[in-house]
Amino acid sequence: MVKIKFLSMMALPTISAMAEIVADQFNLNNKDVLAVMQAREALGSTAIAEDMIMPHVELPNLAVQGLSFINAQSKYALILVIDSQNPNNQLIGILGELLQSEMLIKLKQVTSQQALEKFIKEVNLNVIR
């Protein structure tokens, strides 16, 4: 199952605040989420555009995988939540489509949970199975 979550904020939260948000959205342990997010950030930048980052949460045995999109007006975060041992193929396909520059431009225009769900459904139609 792929879960898609949206959050609008005035400013982009810190990594620790993002970890707390994702832990709550995906029912995960906050300390585990923070640890893997910090470990990934330590490897290098997660920037996928000048104004967008893509922090990763890779943990084993996840019941639910997905994306959390934070729209902070002119800054964005697309947080990947994926099982490190059994990644969801549908999620990988959606992510592959989203990372195309024209799709990132469209993603930045999303301003609600409903709009994000609609957009991801459209993106999913382009995923080759």
Protein backbone atom coordinates (compact mmCIF):
# COMPACT_ATOMS: atom_id res chain seq x y z
CA MET A 1 0.00 0.00 0.00
CA VAL A 2 1.31 3.46 -0.93
CA LYS A 3 0.36 6.28 1.41
CA ILE A 4 0.44 9.88 0.24
CA LYS A 5 0.40 12.75 2.77
CA PHE A 6 0.32 16.53 2.31
CA LEU A 7 1.18 19.30 4.72
CA SER A 8 1.22 23.06 4.16
CA MET A 9 3.50 25.13 6.38
CA MET A 10 4.76 28.69 6.58
CA ALA A 11 8.41 27.55 6.56
CA LEU A 12 10.22 24.30 5.83
CA PRO A 13 10.71 22.41 9.11
CA THR A 14 14.05 21.14 10.39
CA ILE A 15 15.01 17.51 9.81
CA SER A 16 14.06 16.67 13.39
CA ALA A 17 10.64 18.28 12.94
CA MET A 18 10.20 16.44 9.61
CA ALA A 19 11.05 13.19 11.36
CA GLU A 20 8.35 13.86 13.94
CA ILE A 21 5.81 14.68 11.20
CA VAL A 22 6.62 11.54 9.20
CA ALA A 23 6.63 9.34 12.30
CA ASP A 24 3.15 10.60 13.11
CA GLN A 25 1.85 10.32 9.52
CA PHE A 26 3.17 6.78 9.00
CA ASN A 27 2.82 5.50 12.58
CA LEU A 28 6.58 4.98 13.04
CA ASN A 29 8.98 5.41 15.93
CA ASN A 30 10.20 9.02 15.92
CA LYS A 31 13.73 8.12 17.12
CA ASP A 32 14.13 5.53 14.34
CA VAL A 33 12.88 7.97 11.69
CA LEU A 34 15.16 10.74 12.93
CA ALA A 35 18.19 8.43 13.02
CA VAL A 36 17.78 7.26 9.42
CA MET A 37 16.98 10.75 8.15
CA GLN A 38 20.08 12.18 9.83
CA ALA A 39 22.21 9.30 8.53
CA ARG A 40 21.01 9.95 4.97
CA GLU A 41 21.58 13.70 5.30
CA ALA A 42 25.13 13.00 6.50
CA LEU A 43 25.85 11.28 3.17
CA GLY A 44 25.22 14.50 1.26
CA SER A 45 22.57 16.81 -0.03
CA THR A 46 19.09 15.46 -0.71
CA ALA A 47 18.23 18.45 -2.93
CA ILE A 48 16.37 17.44 -6.08
CA ALA A 49 15.75 21.02 -7.23
CA GLU A 50 16.93 24.45 -6.13
CA ASP A 51 13.91 24.78 -3.85
CA MET A 52 13.11 21.14 -3.05
CA ILE A 53 14.70 18.46 -0.89
CA MET A 54 13.93 14.76 -0.73
CA PRO A 55 14.83 13.33 2.67
CA HIS A 56 14.69 9.54 2.90
CA VAL A 57 13.25 7.26 5.55
CA GLU A 58 14.48 3.74 4.77
CA LEU A 59 13.56 1.20 7.43
CA PRO A 60 12.96 -2.57 7.31
CA ASN A 61 9.56 -4.22 7.69
CA LEU A 62 7.37 -1.19 7.00
CA ALA A 63 3.66 -1.96 6.86
CA VAL A 64 3.05 1.24 4.87
CA GLN A 65 5.34 3.01 2.43
CA GLY A 66 4.79 6.30 0.70
CA LEU A 67 5.51 9.98 0.25
CA SER A 68 4.97 12.98 2.45
CA PHE A 69 4.92 16.31 0.62
CA ILE A 70 5.48 19.54 2.52
CA ASN A 71 4.61 22.79 0.74
CA ALA A 72 6.22 25.67 2.60
CA GLN A 73 5.29 28.39 0.12
CA SER A 74 8.55 28.74 -1.84
CA LYS A 75 10.39 25.74 -0.34
CA TYR A 76 9.34 22.10 -0.59
CA ALA A 77 10.15 18.69 0.86
CA LEU A 78 9.21 15.38 -0.73
CA ILE A 79 9.93 12.78 1.94
CA LEU A 80 10.33 9.19 0.79
CA VAL A 81 9.23 6.51 3.27
CA ILE A 82 10.31 3.13 1.93
CA ASP A 83 11.05 -0.39 3.17
CA SER A 84 14.80 -0.98 2.96
CA GLN A 85 14.34 -4.72 2.38
CA ASN A 86 11.17 -4.84 0.30
CA PRO A 87 10.60 -1.52 -1.51
CA ASN A 88 7.15 -1.03 -3.01
CA ASN A 89 7.43 -1.16 -6.82
CA GLN A 90 4.45 1.14 -7.31
CA LEU A 91 6.10 3.74 -5.08
CA ILE A 92 9.39 3.45 -6.99
CA GLY A 93 7.51 3.93 -10.27
CA ILE A 94 5.64 6.98 -8.97
CA LEU A 95 8.89 8.46 -7.67
CA GLY A 96 10.57 7.90 -11.03
CA GLU A 97 7.83 9.87 -12.75
CA LEU A 98 7.79 12.62 -10.11
CA LEU A 99 11.52 13.27 -10.43
CA GLN A 100 11.14 14.48 -14.01
CA SER A 101 11.54 18.26 -14.04
CA GLU A 102 8.11 19.00 -15.54
CA MET A 103 6.44 16.86 -12.87
CA LEU A 104 8.35 18.62 -10.08
CA ILE A 105 7.02 21.93 -11.41
CA LYS A 106 3.47 20.57 -11.28
CA LEU A 107 4.03 19.08 -7.82
CA LYS A 108 4.99 22.51 -6.48
CA GLN A 109 1.53 23.76 -7.45
CA VAL A 110 -0.21 21.23 -5.18
CA THR A 111 -1.84 22.96 -2.20
CA SER A 112 -4.01 20.30 -0.52
CA GLN A 113 -4.24 16.62 0.38
CA GLN A 114 -7.02 16.14 -2.20
CA ALA A 115 -4.99 17.84 -4.94
CA LEU A 116 -1.93 15.72 -4.08
CA GLU A 117 -3.93 12.49 -4.22
CA LYS A 118 -5.39 13.49 -7.60
CA PHE A 119 -1.96 14.44 -8.93
CA ILE A 120 -0.37 11.17 -7.76
CA LYS A 121 -3.19 9.17 -9.40
CA GLU A 122 -2.44 10.95 -12.68
CA VAL A 123 1.30 10.31 -12.24
CA ASN A 124 0.60 6.65 -11.49
CA LEU A 125 -1.14 6.29 -14.87
CA ASN A 126 2.23 7.00 -16.53
CA VAL A 127 4.06 4.34 -14.54
CA ILE A 128 5.08 1.38 -16.67
CA ARG A 129 4.19 -1.85 -14.94
